[in-house]
N, C-alpha and C. Protein backbone atom coordinates (compact mmCIF):
# COMPACT_ATOMS: atom_id res chain seq x y z
N MET A 1 54.95 -3.09 -15.45
CA MET A 1 56.12 -3.58 -14.77
C MET A 1 57.26 -3.08 -14.35
N LYS A 2 57.64 -2.68 -13.10
CA LYS A 2 58.32 -1.57 -12.42
C LYS A 2 59.68 -2.61 -12.29
N LEU A 3 60.80 -1.75 -12.49
CA LEU A 3 61.96 -2.28 -12.39
C LEU A 3 62.45 -2.27 -11.13
N ILE A 4 63.13 -3.50 -10.63
CA ILE A 4 63.34 -3.41 -9.22
C ILE A 4 64.34 -2.61 -8.87
N THR A 5 64.40 -2.11 -7.56
CA THR A 5 65.24 -0.91 -7.23
C THR A 5 66.04 -1.50 -5.87
N VAL A 6 67.15 -0.57 -5.63
CA VAL A 6 68.07 -0.90 -4.46
C VAL A 6 67.13 -0.77 -3.24
N GLY A 7 67.11 -1.80 -2.18
CA GLY A 7 66.37 -1.50 -1.18
C GLY A 7 65.08 -2.30 -1.27
N ASP A 8 64.67 -2.93 -2.32
CA ASP A 8 63.68 -4.02 -2.74
C ASP A 8 64.19 -5.25 -2.14
N MET A 9 63.22 -5.97 -1.39
CA MET A 9 63.71 -7.57 -1.34
C MET A 9 63.63 -8.35 -2.79
N ALA A 10 64.66 -9.08 -2.87
CA ALA A 10 64.57 -9.87 -4.29
C ALA A 10 63.84 -10.86 -4.22
N PRO A 11 62.78 -10.98 -5.40
CA PRO A 11 61.80 -12.08 -5.40
C PRO A 11 62.62 -13.24 -5.23
N ASP A 12 62.10 -14.27 -4.82
CA ASP A 12 62.83 -15.64 -4.82
C ASP A 12 62.38 -16.19 -6.11
N PHE A 13 62.98 -17.38 -6.41
CA PHE A 13 62.89 -18.23 -7.65
C PHE A 13 63.32 -19.22 -7.44
N THR A 14 62.93 -20.46 -8.37
CA THR A 14 63.13 -21.75 -8.58
C THR A 14 63.25 -21.94 -9.93
N CYS A 15 64.45 -22.56 -10.49
CA CYS A 15 64.51 -22.88 -12.00
C CYS A 15 65.31 -23.77 -12.22
N LYS A 16 65.77 -24.44 -13.37
CA LYS A 16 66.94 -25.07 -13.61
C LYS A 16 67.90 -24.13 -14.33
N ASP A 17 68.94 -24.88 -14.02
CA ASP A 17 70.40 -24.30 -14.68
C ASP A 17 70.69 -25.12 -15.68
N ASN A 18 72.26 -24.60 -16.55
CA ASN A 18 72.71 -25.37 -17.44
C ASN A 18 73.22 -26.77 -17.26
N ARG A 19 73.08 -27.13 -15.83
CA ARG A 19 73.51 -28.64 -15.65
C ARG A 19 72.31 -29.39 -14.92
N ASP A 20 71.24 -28.82 -15.08
CA ASP A 20 69.89 -29.50 -15.07
C ASP A 20 69.41 -29.60 -13.68
N GLN A 21 70.38 -28.52 -12.72
CA GLN A 21 70.23 -28.64 -11.36
C GLN A 21 68.98 -27.56 -10.98
N THR A 22 68.19 -28.02 -10.11
CA THR A 22 67.23 -26.90 -9.35
C THR A 22 68.16 -25.79 -8.50
N ILE A 23 67.56 -24.55 -8.70
CA ILE A 23 68.30 -23.70 -7.89
C ILE A 23 67.27 -22.70 -7.36
N CYS A 24 67.35 -22.37 -6.33
CA CYS A 24 66.51 -21.15 -5.69
C CYS A 24 67.38 -20.11 -5.05
N LEU A 25 66.91 -19.08 -5.31
CA LEU A 25 67.46 -17.76 -4.84
C LEU A 25 67.92 -18.07 -3.17
N SER A 26 67.00 -18.51 -2.43
CA SER A 26 66.80 -18.47 -0.97
C SER A 26 68.17 -19.45 -0.53
N ASP A 27 68.61 -20.64 -1.33
CA ASP A 27 69.56 -21.56 -1.27
C ASP A 27 70.78 -20.71 -1.14
N PHE A 28 71.04 -19.31 -1.42
CA PHE A 28 72.29 -18.63 -1.17
C PHE A 28 72.32 -17.70 -0.28
N ARG A 29 71.37 -17.78 0.54
CA ARG A 29 71.42 -16.67 1.97
C ARG A 29 72.93 -16.80 2.52
N GLY A 30 73.28 -16.13 2.87
CA GLY A 30 74.54 -15.79 3.53
C GLY A 30 75.57 -15.45 2.49
N LYS A 31 75.26 -15.40 1.19
CA LYS A 31 76.21 -15.10 0.22
C LYS A 31 75.61 -14.00 -0.58
N LYS A 32 76.50 -13.20 -1.12
CA LYS A 32 75.55 -12.01 -2.13
C LYS A 32 75.68 -12.98 -3.57
N VAL A 33 74.51 -12.46 -4.40
CA VAL A 33 74.33 -13.11 -5.56
C VAL A 33 74.34 -11.95 -6.48
N LEU A 34 75.15 -12.49 -7.63
CA LEU A 34 74.86 -11.26 -8.81
C LEU A 34 73.96 -12.14 -9.85
N LEU A 35 72.81 -11.50 -10.22
CA LEU A 35 72.05 -11.93 -11.58
C LEU A 35 72.49 -11.14 -12.49
N SER A 36 73.18 -11.78 -13.30
CA SER A 36 73.72 -11.22 -14.69
C SER A 36 73.18 -11.50 -15.91
N TRP A 37 71.87 -10.90 -15.97
CA TRP A 37 70.89 -11.31 -17.02
C TRP A 37 71.33 -10.72 -18.49
N HIS A 38 71.44 -11.70 -19.46
CA HIS A 38 71.60 -11.44 -20.93
C HIS A 38 70.58 -11.94 -21.41
N PRO A 39 70.59 -11.02 -22.87
CA PRO A 39 68.91 -11.39 -23.65
C PRO A 39 68.93 -12.70 -24.23
N LEU A 40 70.00 -13.06 -24.97
CA LEU A 40 70.08 -14.56 -25.57
C LEU A 40 71.35 -15.17 -25.78
N ALA A 41 71.57 -16.28 -25.35
CA ALA A 41 72.54 -17.34 -25.69
C ALA A 41 72.88 -17.03 -27.14
N TRP A 42 74.43 -17.37 -27.15
CA TRP A 42 74.93 -17.76 -28.53
C TRP A 42 74.90 -16.38 -29.48
N THR A 43 74.89 -15.24 -28.67
CA THR A 43 75.14 -13.97 -29.35
C THR A 43 76.58 -13.50 -28.79
N ALA A 44 77.22 -12.49 -29.61
CA ALA A 44 78.65 -12.05 -29.03
C ALA A 44 78.85 -11.27 -27.98
N ILE A 45 77.82 -10.66 -27.78
CA ILE A 45 77.92 -9.79 -26.32
C ILE A 45 77.73 -10.69 -25.36
N CYS A 46 76.71 -11.38 -25.32
CA CYS A 46 76.31 -12.36 -24.21
C CYS A 46 77.29 -13.23 -23.74
N THR A 47 77.87 -13.86 -24.99
CA THR A 47 79.12 -14.49 -24.95
C THR A 47 80.25 -14.10 -24.19
N ASP A 48 80.73 -12.55 -24.44
CA ASP A 48 81.76 -12.18 -23.30
C ASP A 48 81.27 -11.77 -22.33
N GLN A 49 79.97 -11.65 -22.02
CA GLN A 49 79.37 -11.35 -20.54
C GLN A 49 79.37 -12.50 -19.60
N MET A 50 79.24 -13.53 -20.15
CA MET A 50 79.10 -15.07 -19.81
C MET A 50 80.68 -15.16 -19.29
N ARG A 51 81.66 -15.05 -20.30
CA ARG A 51 83.01 -15.45 -20.25
C ARG A 51 83.65 -14.47 -19.08
N ALA A 52 83.16 -13.34 -18.90
CA ALA A 52 83.78 -12.44 -17.97
C ALA A 52 83.65 -13.16 -16.44
N LEU A 53 82.23 -13.43 -16.18
CA LEU A 53 81.52 -14.26 -15.13
C LEU A 53 82.69 -15.34 -14.60
N GLU A 54 82.93 -16.17 -15.75
CA GLU A 54 83.86 -17.48 -15.69
C GLU A 54 85.32 -17.01 -15.27
N ASN A 55 85.63 -16.06 -16.09
CA ASN A 55 87.28 -15.68 -15.75
C ASN A 55 87.41 -14.97 -14.46
N ASN A 56 86.33 -14.35 -13.80
CA ASN A 56 86.55 -13.65 -12.66
C ASN A 56 85.75 -14.82 -11.62
N PHE A 57 85.57 -15.83 -11.44
CA PHE A 57 84.76 -16.78 -10.54
C PHE A 57 85.66 -16.75 -9.15
N GLU A 58 86.76 -17.02 -9.36
CA GLU A 58 87.50 -17.29 -8.08
C GLU A 58 87.49 -16.02 -7.15
N GLN A 59 87.52 -14.85 -8.32
CA GLN A 59 87.60 -13.30 -7.43
C GLN A 59 86.13 -13.33 -6.63
N PHE A 60 84.90 -13.65 -7.66
CA PHE A 60 83.35 -13.93 -6.91
C PHE A 60 83.72 -14.71 -5.64
N GLN A 61 84.33 -15.55 -5.74
CA GLN A 61 84.31 -16.64 -4.37
C GLN A 61 85.09 -15.99 -3.35
N LYS A 62 86.15 -15.22 -3.35
CA LYS A 62 86.98 -14.29 -2.69
C LYS A 62 85.72 -13.23 -1.92
N LEU A 63 85.04 -12.64 -2.63
CA LEU A 63 84.03 -11.75 -2.31
C LEU A 63 82.62 -12.44 -1.67
N ASN A 64 82.78 -13.65 -1.44
CA ASN A 64 81.66 -14.13 -0.80
C ASN A 64 80.30 -14.05 -1.68
N THR A 65 80.39 -14.06 -3.33
CA THR A 65 79.46 -13.83 -4.15
C THR A 65 79.42 -14.94 -5.12
N VAL A 66 77.79 -15.46 -5.40
CA VAL A 66 77.58 -16.29 -6.45
C VAL A 66 77.16 -15.52 -7.73
N PRO A 67 78.02 -15.83 -8.57
CA PRO A 67 77.43 -15.46 -10.02
C PRO A 67 76.62 -16.15 -10.77
N LEU A 68 75.45 -15.78 -11.31
CA LEU A 68 74.67 -16.60 -12.04
C LEU A 68 74.37 -15.92 -13.27
N GLY A 69 74.54 -16.44 -14.53
CA GLY A 69 74.30 -15.76 -15.74
C GLY A 69 72.80 -16.22 -16.53
N PHE A 70 72.12 -15.51 -16.08
CA PHE A 70 70.54 -15.64 -16.32
C PHE A 70 70.20 -15.45 -17.96
N SER A 71 69.28 -16.02 -18.36
CA SER A 71 68.46 -15.52 -19.76
C SER A 71 67.40 -16.35 -19.86
N VAL A 72 66.26 -16.04 -20.74
CA VAL A 72 65.27 -17.07 -20.97
C VAL A 72 65.50 -18.38 -21.95
N ASP A 73 66.61 -18.59 -22.42
CA ASP A 73 67.03 -19.77 -23.36
C ASP A 73 66.75 -20.92 -22.44
N PRO A 74 66.36 -22.07 -23.19
CA PRO A 74 65.82 -23.41 -22.50
C PRO A 74 67.12 -23.87 -22.13
N VAL A 75 67.00 -24.86 -20.83
CA VAL A 75 68.16 -25.69 -20.52
C VAL A 75 68.70 -26.13 -21.49
N PRO A 76 68.65 -27.11 -22.39
CA PRO A 76 69.61 -27.64 -23.50
C PRO A 76 70.34 -26.70 -24.12
N SER A 77 70.04 -25.57 -24.39
CA SER A 77 70.43 -24.38 -25.19
C SER A 77 71.60 -24.04 -24.20
N LYS A 78 71.18 -23.65 -22.92
CA LYS A 78 72.18 -23.27 -21.87
C LYS A 78 73.36 -24.18 -21.93
N LYS A 79 72.88 -25.52 -21.63
CA LYS A 79 73.91 -26.51 -21.34
C LYS A 79 74.92 -26.45 -22.66
N ALA A 80 74.28 -26.64 -23.93
CA ALA A 80 75.22 -26.73 -24.90
C ALA A 80 76.07 -25.29 -24.95
N TRP A 81 75.53 -24.50 -24.72
CA TRP A 81 76.36 -23.08 -24.82
C TRP A 81 77.40 -23.14 -23.77
N ALA A 82 77.24 -23.48 -22.54
CA ALA A 82 78.08 -23.45 -21.48
C ALA A 82 79.30 -24.34 -21.95
N GLN A 83 78.97 -25.54 -22.60
CA GLN A 83 80.12 -26.66 -23.12
C GLN A 83 81.05 -25.88 -24.10
N VAL A 84 80.06 -25.08 -24.96
CA VAL A 84 81.20 -24.56 -26.01
C VAL A 84 81.96 -23.34 -25.69
N LEU A 85 81.37 -22.58 -24.90
CA LEU A 85 82.18 -21.45 -24.12
C LEU A 85 83.01 -22.05 -22.74
N GLN A 86 83.14 -23.26 -22.46
CA GLN A 86 83.79 -23.94 -21.58
C GLN A 86 83.68 -23.19 -19.97
N ILE A 87 82.22 -22.85 -20.20
CA ILE A 87 81.84 -22.23 -18.53
C ILE A 87 81.82 -23.60 -17.53
N LYS A 88 82.62 -23.80 -16.69
CA LYS A 88 82.71 -25.01 -15.64
C LYS A 88 82.09 -24.48 -14.58
N ASN A 89 82.41 -23.37 -14.00
CA ASN A 89 82.05 -22.91 -12.47
C ASN A 89 80.75 -22.19 -12.46
N VAL A 90 80.51 -21.08 -13.45
CA VAL A 90 79.33 -20.43 -13.20
C VAL A 90 78.16 -20.93 -13.74
N GLN A 91 77.01 -20.99 -12.98
CA GLN A 91 75.74 -21.73 -13.37
C GLN A 91 75.13 -20.36 -13.98
N LEU A 92 74.25 -21.29 -15.09
CA LEU A 92 73.61 -20.51 -16.30
C LEU A 92 72.09 -20.92 -16.12
N PRO A 93 71.31 -20.24 -15.48
CA PRO A 93 69.96 -20.41 -14.82
C PRO A 93 69.06 -20.12 -16.50
N SER A 94 68.00 -20.62 -16.26
CA SER A 94 67.10 -20.58 -17.49
C SER A 94 65.90 -20.43 -16.98
N ASP A 95 65.54 -19.13 -17.44
CA ASP A 95 64.06 -18.42 -16.97
C ASP A 95 62.97 -18.84 -18.33
N PHE A 96 63.11 -20.09 -18.67
CA PHE A 96 62.58 -20.53 -20.09
C PHE A 96 60.88 -20.64 -19.77
N TRP A 97 60.75 -21.21 -18.88
CA TRP A 97 59.31 -21.52 -18.22
C TRP A 97 59.05 -21.68 -16.96
N PRO A 98 57.70 -20.73 -16.70
CA PRO A 98 57.00 -20.04 -17.41
C PRO A 98 57.87 -18.99 -18.15
N HIS A 99 57.82 -18.70 -19.27
CA HIS A 99 58.72 -17.90 -20.10
C HIS A 99 58.77 -16.53 -19.30
N GLY A 100 60.04 -16.22 -19.02
CA GLY A 100 60.40 -14.71 -18.49
C GLY A 100 59.64 -14.50 -17.33
N LYS A 101 59.18 -15.47 -16.42
CA LYS A 101 58.60 -15.19 -15.34
C LYS A 101 59.48 -14.61 -14.17
N ILE A 102 60.57 -15.06 -14.16
CA ILE A 102 61.46 -14.20 -13.24
C ILE A 102 62.12 -13.05 -13.57
N ALA A 103 62.51 -12.79 -15.01
CA ALA A 103 62.65 -11.39 -15.61
C ALA A 103 61.44 -10.42 -15.36
N SER A 104 60.41 -11.11 -15.45
CA SER A 104 59.34 -10.34 -15.16
C SER A 104 59.38 -9.82 -13.82
N ASP A 105 59.12 -10.80 -12.81
CA ASP A 105 59.38 -10.66 -11.23
C ASP A 105 60.27 -9.52 -11.10
N TYR A 106 61.26 -9.23 -11.67
CA TYR A 106 62.23 -8.22 -11.42
C TYR A 106 62.04 -6.88 -12.27
N GLY A 107 61.07 -6.91 -13.31
CA GLY A 107 60.43 -5.75 -13.92
C GLY A 107 61.92 -5.61 -15.10
N ILE A 108 62.33 -6.72 -15.64
CA ILE A 108 63.12 -6.59 -16.82
C ILE A 108 62.93 -7.28 -17.73
N PHE A 109 61.66 -7.91 -18.06
CA PHE A 109 61.39 -8.67 -19.07
C PHE A 109 60.76 -7.68 -20.26
N ARG A 110 61.25 -7.79 -21.80
CA ARG A 110 60.79 -7.28 -22.65
C ARG A 110 59.79 -7.98 -23.75
N GLU A 111 58.45 -7.99 -23.25
CA GLU A 111 57.42 -8.77 -23.56
C GLU A 111 57.39 -8.66 -24.93
N LYS A 112 57.70 -7.45 -25.79
CA LYS A 112 57.38 -7.60 -27.25
C LYS A 112 58.63 -8.50 -27.88
N GLN A 113 59.83 -8.45 -27.24
CA GLN A 113 60.94 -9.21 -27.97
C GLN A 113 61.12 -10.65 -27.36
N GLY A 114 60.40 -10.94 -26.19
CA GLY A 114 60.55 -12.19 -25.45
C GLY A 114 61.64 -12.33 -24.78
N PHE A 115 62.74 -11.66 -24.59
CA PHE A 115 63.82 -11.84 -23.58
C PHE A 115 64.13 -10.43 -22.42
N SER A 116 64.95 -10.71 -21.79
CA SER A 116 65.17 -9.91 -20.77
C SER A 116 65.88 -8.63 -21.18
N GLU A 117 66.20 -7.70 -20.45
CA GLU A 117 66.94 -6.39 -20.74
C GLU A 117 68.80 -7.36 -20.44
N ARG A 118 69.51 -6.32 -20.48
CA ARG A 118 70.74 -6.79 -20.26
C ARG A 118 70.98 -6.08 -18.77
N VAL A 119 71.18 -6.65 -17.95
CA VAL A 119 71.28 -6.08 -16.39
C VAL A 119 71.89 -6.45 -15.67
N ASN A 120 72.75 -6.22 -14.74
CA ASN A 120 73.46 -6.76 -13.38
C ASN A 120 72.63 -6.50 -12.14
N ILE A 121 72.09 -7.48 -11.43
CA ILE A 121 71.45 -7.16 -10.33
C ILE A 121 72.33 -7.72 -8.98
N ILE A 122 72.52 -6.99 -8.25
CA ILE A 122 73.09 -7.71 -6.85
C ILE A 122 72.58 -7.84 -5.79
N ILE A 123 72.62 -9.05 -5.07
CA ILE A 123 71.50 -9.18 -3.75
C ILE A 123 72.37 -9.45 -2.70
N ASP A 124 72.31 -9.03 -1.65
CA ASP A 124 73.12 -9.07 -0.48
C ASP A 124 72.82 -10.39 0.21
N GLU A 125 73.42 -10.84 1.20
CA GLU A 125 73.37 -12.01 2.03
C GLU A 125 72.01 -12.23 2.58
N ASN A 126 71.35 -10.94 2.61
CA ASN A 126 69.97 -11.32 3.37
C ASN A 126 68.81 -11.48 2.16
N GLY A 127 69.24 -11.10 1.19
CA GLY A 127 68.07 -11.19 -0.08
C GLY A 127 67.62 -9.89 -0.33
N LYS A 128 68.34 -8.91 0.02
CA LYS A 128 67.99 -7.34 -0.41
C LYS A 128 68.82 -6.81 -1.35
N VAL A 129 68.07 -6.38 -2.42
CA VAL A 129 68.90 -5.72 -3.47
C VAL A 129 69.69 -4.63 -3.39
N ILE A 130 71.02 -4.68 -3.64
CA ILE A 130 72.06 -3.66 -3.31
C ILE A 130 72.31 -2.79 -4.47
N TRP A 131 72.16 -3.23 -5.67
CA TRP A 131 72.69 -2.57 -7.00
C TRP A 131 71.96 -3.29 -8.19
N VAL A 132 71.61 -2.22 -8.74
CA VAL A 132 70.87 -2.60 -10.15
C VAL A 132 71.41 -1.88 -11.22
N LYS A 133 71.95 -2.24 -12.47
CA LYS A 133 72.17 -1.35 -13.62
C LYS A 133 71.86 -2.17 -14.79
N VAL A 134 70.92 -1.23 -15.85
CA VAL A 134 70.51 -2.04 -16.89
C VAL A 134 71.53 -1.22 -18.06
N TYR A 135 71.65 -2.08 -18.97
CA TYR A 135 72.87 -1.58 -20.02
C TYR A 135 72.00 -1.83 -21.25
N PRO A 136 72.22 -0.74 -22.39
CA PRO A 136 71.87 -0.97 -23.62
C PRO A 136 72.36 -2.32 -24.09
N LEU A 137 71.26 -2.91 -25.06
CA LEU A 137 71.76 -4.21 -25.35
C LEU A 137 72.96 -4.63 -25.92
N ALA A 138 73.36 -3.65 -26.76
CA ALA A 138 74.58 -3.70 -27.67
C ALA A 138 75.52 -3.51 -26.69
N GLN A 139 75.63 -3.13 -25.35
CA GLN A 139 76.84 -2.67 -24.55
C GLN A 139 77.29 -3.93 -23.65
N LEU A 140 78.39 -4.34 -23.54
CA LEU A 140 78.99 -5.33 -22.48
C LEU A 140 79.12 -4.67 -21.32
N PRO A 141 78.46 -5.44 -20.29
CA PRO A 141 78.48 -4.78 -18.77
C PRO A 141 80.13 -4.77 -18.38
N ASP A 142 80.48 -3.88 -17.73
CA ASP A 142 81.92 -3.64 -17.31
C ASP A 142 81.98 -4.72 -15.96
N ILE A 143 82.62 -5.46 -15.97
CA ILE A 143 83.04 -6.59 -14.90
C ILE A 143 83.83 -5.91 -13.84
N ASN A 144 84.68 -4.89 -14.31
CA ASN A 144 85.40 -4.15 -13.32
C ASN A 144 84.52 -3.20 -12.49
N GLU A 145 83.50 -2.83 -13.01
CA GLU A 145 82.44 -2.00 -12.16
C GLU A 145 81.83 -2.89 -11.11
N VAL A 146 81.38 -4.10 -11.67
CA VAL A 146 80.65 -4.93 -10.69
C VAL A 146 81.73 -5.14 -9.44
N MET A 147 82.97 -5.81 -9.93
CA MET A 147 83.83 -6.39 -8.78
C MET A 147 84.27 -5.11 -7.98
N ASN A 148 84.53 -4.13 -8.44
CA ASN A 148 84.74 -2.92 -7.65
C ASN A 148 83.74 -2.58 -6.65
N PHE A 149 82.35 -2.55 -6.84
CA PHE A 149 80.98 -2.52 -6.23
C PHE A 149 81.23 -3.72 -4.83
N LEU A 150 81.36 -4.75 -5.44
CA LEU A 150 81.26 -6.13 -4.49
C LEU A 150 82.66 -5.74 -3.58
N ALA A 151 83.53 -5.28 -3.78
CA ALA A 151 84.90 -4.99 -2.97
C ALA A 151 84.41 -4.01 -1.99
N THR A 152 83.59 -3.35 -2.09
CA THR A 152 83.08 -2.24 -1.18
C THR A 152 82.24 -2.57 -0.22
N GLN A 153 81.80 -3.81 -0.54
CA GLN A 153 80.56 -4.43 0.23
C GLN A 153 81.04 -5.37 1.26
N SER A 154 82.59 -5.80 1.25
CA SER A 154 82.94 -6.67 1.87
C SER A 154 83.09 -6.35 3.11
């Protein structure tokens, strides 16, 4: 399994989100997309990671970017978690079934643990990967780093 790299075309995907809506990467053509992968919902660092997306949602909009909070958790779990965290704007897609397929397509699925790496992947308006950063599982991704990168792409 090879980690996706800058310059690769992002594999398209279709999955359900926390609102039970079907989303496809190709639906977002014309916008940048942030795939913000967290290992598992209901954990402290993942909570802070998703809150950072929600707290910066308006700025993402200004930067023509759709933030997606991805994990392998099932849709009902993502829905309940979003309600508890009061995530109202950011979609939280589920890579539950086939389990970890999307994460595997991006080269970030941890087979032994059954969840993804903690990673941010930014895809441009045409579906090409323009930024990839893998973080230690115990590290909160720096949202300012993401926002600063996106600002340079406008």
